[in-house]
Amino acid sequence: MDYQKMYSKKPSSYFGGENYHILKYVPDNLNLVLDVGCSSGGFGALLKERGIGVWGVEPNEEAALSASKKLDRVINSVFDETILDQLDVKFDCVFFIDVIEHLIDPESALNLCKKILKPNGYIVSAIPNILQYGTILNILKTQDWRYTDSGILDKTHFRFYSQKSILRLFNESGFTVLNNEGWYKKCSPLFKLLNFFLFNRIESMKYTHFITVVKY
């Protein structure tokens, strides 16, 4: 899989997010962390402002070069066993911010984390919600599954998750879920009414993402 080619057509803004909303989920007392898919290093730079050492892994060459100017070390590669010898330290936490859905084999990535995390280490992830109401409604209206350049149906997403499947992914991979919260409500008055009559059974469909904190 040529990840360089896959992401080469993405605009620079695709790699420029800082993800301030993730900061409230960062565990306490972190010394060294790994940001997988660190893009241009915006989020890692926020962690460094807190006195945390940050390494990054990024397959896009241009974004990795930009991140290397902000973080302590950046590996221009995909996240797999081939870079294990370059990850010659143990980390307190691994971040996957809008990344797991881009991986061909997320389970292998989580197993790799077990080799590089310290005892009782954390993973913090943000994963799009394929069941988000607007997305499902559009599919039903158009009777089409049309990929886009970004967002929930990003054409570079290999996997799609709901809140339940996110929890299953981490539980079956041997991690303990500490927190799992929806982020960014995006729903219409019609959804609110429907959810009310369904006794909040579709509550999770109002979120575009779920942020999950787990411990190994």
Protein backbone atom coordinates (compact mmCIF):
# COMPACT_ATOMS: atom_id res chain seq x y z
CA MET A 1 0.00 0.00 0.00
CA ASP A 2 1.55 3.32 -1.12
CA TYR A 3 0.52 5.68 1.66
CA GLN A 4 2.69 8.45 0.24
CA LYS A 5 0.70 8.45 -2.98
CA MET A 6 -2.61 8.03 -1.18
CA TYR A 7 -2.18 11.20 0.87
CA SER A 8 -0.17 13.26 -1.62
CA LYS A 9 -3.32 14.82 -3.08
CA LYS A 10 -4.64 15.95 0.28
CA PRO A 11 -4.53 19.74 0.83
CA SER A 12 -2.03 20.98 3.41
CA SER A 13 -4.95 21.96 5.66
CA TYR A 14 -5.74 18.24 6.02
CA PHE A 15 -2.57 17.86 8.10
CA GLY A 16 -2.84 21.12 10.03
CA GLY A 17 -5.37 20.42 12.77
CA GLU A 18 -4.43 21.04 16.40
CA ASN A 19 -7.34 19.19 18.06
CA TYR A 20 -7.66 21.34 21.17
CA HIS A 21 -10.73 19.35 22.19
CA ILE A 22 -8.57 16.29 22.88
CA LEU A 23 -6.58 18.04 25.63
CA LYS A 24 -9.23 17.42 28.30
CA TYR A 25 -8.76 13.68 27.77
CA VAL A 26 -4.96 13.67 28.18
CA PRO A 27 -4.07 11.58 31.26
CA ASP A 28 -2.06 13.15 34.07
CA ASN A 29 1.64 12.60 34.73
CA LEU A 30 2.77 11.81 31.19
CA ASN A 31 6.49 12.11 30.45
CA LEU A 32 6.87 10.70 26.95
CA VAL A 33 4.12 9.99 24.41
CA LEU A 34 3.79 8.82 20.81
CA ASP A 35 1.43 10.60 18.42
CA VAL A 36 0.60 8.17 15.61
CA GLY A 37 -0.38 10.00 12.44
CA CYS A 38 0.93 13.21 13.96
CA SER A 39 0.32 15.20 10.73
CA SER A 40 2.24 18.48 10.87
CA GLY A 41 2.65 18.28 14.65
CA GLY A 42 -0.04 20.71 15.78
CA PHE A 43 -1.49 18.50 18.50
CA GLY A 44 1.93 17.29 19.63
CA ALA A 45 3.04 20.91 20.01
CA LEU A 46 0.14 21.47 22.42
CA LEU A 47 1.34 18.50 24.48
CA LYS A 48 4.88 19.86 24.52
CA GLU A 49 3.54 23.11 25.98
CA ARG A 50 2.53 20.98 28.96
CA GLY A 51 6.10 19.75 29.38
CA ILE A 52 5.46 16.35 27.78
CA GLY A 53 8.04 14.76 25.50
CA VAL A 54 6.44 13.91 22.14
CA TRP A 55 7.49 11.55 19.38
CA GLY A 56 5.49 11.26 16.19
CA VAL A 57 4.89 8.80 13.36
CA GLU A 58 3.65 10.22 10.07
CA PRO A 59 3.57 8.58 6.59
CA ASN A 60 3.21 11.84 4.64
CA GLU A 61 6.72 13.17 3.95
CA GLU A 62 5.82 16.86 3.85
CA ALA A 63 3.74 16.69 7.02
CA ALA A 64 6.46 14.67 8.80
CA LEU A 65 9.04 17.30 7.89
CA SER A 66 6.84 20.02 9.35
CA ALA A 67 6.20 17.99 12.50
CA SER A 68 9.93 17.34 12.99
CA LYS A 69 10.38 21.07 13.64
CA LYS A 70 7.90 20.95 16.52
CA LEU A 71 8.27 17.55 18.14
CA ASP A 72 11.20 15.73 19.76
CA ARG A 73 11.41 13.06 17.09
CA VAL A 74 9.35 12.14 14.04
CA ILE A 75 9.49 8.90 12.07
CA ASN A 76 8.35 9.25 8.46
CA SER A 77 6.66 5.87 8.11
CA VAL A 78 3.47 3.92 8.56
CA PHE A 79 2.87 2.55 12.04
CA ASP A 80 3.76 -1.14 11.89
CA GLU A 81 6.37 -3.67 13.03
CA THR A 82 8.96 -2.34 10.56
CA ILE A 83 9.64 0.69 12.77
CA LEU A 84 9.78 -1.18 16.08
CA ASP A 85 13.57 -0.89 16.20
CA GLN A 86 13.25 2.91 15.94
CA LEU A 87 10.84 3.00 18.85
CA ASP A 88 13.59 2.06 21.28
CA VAL A 89 11.91 3.62 24.33
CA LYS A 90 8.70 3.00 26.25
CA PHE A 91 5.82 5.46 26.13
CA ASP A 92 3.31 6.54 28.75
CA CYS A 93 0.61 7.05 26.15
CA VAL A 94 -0.07 6.52 22.45
CA PHE A 95 -2.43 8.88 20.63
CA PHE A 96 -4.52 7.92 17.60
CA ILE A 97 -6.36 11.12 16.70
CA ASP A 98 -8.45 10.45 13.57
CA VAL A 99 -6.04 7.66 12.63
CA ILE A 100 -7.41 4.19 13.48
CA GLU A 101 -9.99 4.39 10.70
CA HIS A 102 -7.14 4.90 8.20
CA LEU A 103 -5.40 1.65 9.19
CA ILE A 104 -5.78 -1.57 7.22
CA ASP A 105 -5.26 -3.66 10.36
CA PRO A 106 -6.13 -1.68 13.53
CA GLU A 107 -5.87 -4.79 15.72
CA SER A 108 -2.22 -5.25 14.75
CA ALA A 109 -1.57 -1.58 15.53
CA LEU A 110 -3.04 -2.00 18.99
CA ASN A 111 -0.95 -5.13 19.57
CA LEU A 112 2.11 -3.13 18.56
CA CYS A 113 1.18 -0.56 21.20
CA LYS A 114 1.49 -3.26 23.87
CA LYS A 115 5.17 -3.62 22.95
CA ILE A 116 5.96 0.08 23.27
CA LEU A 117 3.77 1.15 26.20
CA LYS A 118 4.97 1.26 29.77
CA PRO A 119 3.05 -0.84 32.30
CA ASN A 120 -0.36 0.77 32.85
CA GLY A 121 0.17 2.89 29.74
CA TYR A 122 -2.69 4.62 27.95
CA ILE A 123 -4.13 4.96 24.48
CA VAL A 124 -6.23 7.99 23.58
CA SER A 125 -8.16 7.83 20.32
CA ALA A 126 -10.65 9.92 18.36
CA ILE A 127 -12.62 7.88 15.82
CA PRO A 128 -15.40 9.04 13.46
CA ASN A 129 -18.91 7.69 14.03
CA ILE A 130 -20.28 6.09 10.86
CA LEU A 131 -23.76 6.08 12.44
CA GLN A 132 -23.85 9.87 12.75
CA TYR A 133 -27.41 10.91 11.95
CA GLY A 134 -26.64 13.28 9.07
CA THR A 135 -24.41 10.74 7.38
CA ILE A 136 -26.97 7.93 7.62
CA LEU A 137 -29.80 10.21 6.53
CA ASN A 138 -27.86 11.29 3.43
CA ILE A 139 -27.15 7.66 2.51
CA LEU A 140 -30.83 6.81 2.87
CA LYS A 141 -31.90 9.85 0.83
CA THR A 142 -29.43 9.35 -2.02
CA GLN A 143 -29.30 5.53 -1.87
CA ASP A 144 -25.57 5.99 -2.41
CA TRP A 145 -22.36 5.57 -0.44
CA ARG A 146 -20.25 8.39 -1.85
CA TYR A 147 -16.74 8.86 -0.54
CA THR A 148 -15.44 12.39 0.11
CA ASP A 149 -12.07 14.10 0.43
CA SER A 150 -12.45 14.45 4.20
CA GLY A 151 -14.95 13.80 6.96
CA ILE A 152 -16.70 10.62 8.06
CA LEU A 153 -16.70 9.10 4.56
CA ASP A 154 -13.14 10.13 3.77
CA LYS A 155 -11.93 8.11 0.79
CA THR A 156 -8.77 7.14 2.72
CA HIS A 157 -10.76 5.44 5.51
CA PHE A 158 -10.39 1.66 5.48
CA ARG A 159 -12.53 1.00 8.56
CA PHE A 160 -15.81 2.43 9.84
CA TYR A 161 -16.90 2.40 13.47
CA SER A 162 -19.88 3.00 15.72
CA GLN A 163 -19.67 3.57 19.46
CA LYS A 164 -20.28 -0.14 20.09
CA SER A 165 -17.65 -1.34 17.64
CA ILE A 166 -15.08 1.10 19.06
CA LEU A 167 -15.58 -0.36 22.52
CA ARG A 168 -15.40 -3.89 21.12
CA LEU A 169 -12.16 -3.09 19.28
CA PHE A 170 -10.37 -2.07 22.47
CA ASN A 171 -11.94 -4.69 24.73
CA GLU A 172 -11.10 -7.55 22.39
CA SER A 173 -7.55 -6.21 22.01
CA GLY A 174 -7.00 -6.51 25.76
CA PHE A 175 -7.39 -2.89 26.88
CA THR A 176 -9.55 -1.54 29.70
CA VAL A 177 -11.83 1.32 28.63
CA LEU A 178 -11.67 4.22 31.10
CA ASN A 179 -13.70 6.76 29.16
CA ASN A 180 -15.71 6.88 25.94
CA GLU A 181 -17.48 10.11 25.06
CA GLY A 182 -19.18 11.52 22.01
CA TRP A 183 -17.78 14.71 20.54
CA TYR A 184 -19.28 17.39 18.32
CA LYS A 185 -23.05 17.14 18.32
CA LYS A 186 -24.45 17.49 14.82
CA CYS A 187 -28.15 16.84 14.64
CA SER A 188 -31.37 18.50 13.53
CA PRO A 189 -34.62 19.19 15.42
CA LEU A 190 -36.06 16.19 13.58
CA PHE A 191 -33.39 13.95 15.09
CA LYS A 192 -34.06 15.29 18.58
CA LEU A 193 -37.76 14.57 18.19
CA LEU A 194 -37.12 11.08 16.83
CA ASN A 195 -34.67 10.33 19.62
CA PHE A 196 -37.22 11.48 22.18
CA PHE A 197 -39.89 9.13 20.86
CA LEU A 198 -37.36 6.30 20.78
CA PHE A 199 -36.49 6.88 24.45
CA ASN A 200 -32.95 8.10 23.59
CA ARG A 201 -32.06 4.79 21.95
CA ILE A 202 -30.28 6.57 19.08
CA GLU A 203 -28.49 9.09 21.30
CA SER A 204 -25.07 8.07 19.97
CA MET A 205 -26.07 9.06 16.44
CA LYS A 206 -25.81 12.76 17.20
CA TYR A 207 -22.01 12.67 17.50
CA THR A 208 -19.50 12.84 14.67
CA HIS A 209 -16.72 11.25 16.76
CA PHE A 210 -16.08 9.23 19.86
CA ILE A 211 -13.07 9.92 22.04
CA THR A 212 -11.85 6.90 23.96
CA VAL A 213 -9.26 6.56 26.72
CA VAL A 214 -8.04 3.06 27.51
CA LYS A 215 -5.39 1.53 29.73
CA TYR A 216 -3.22 -1.50 29.14
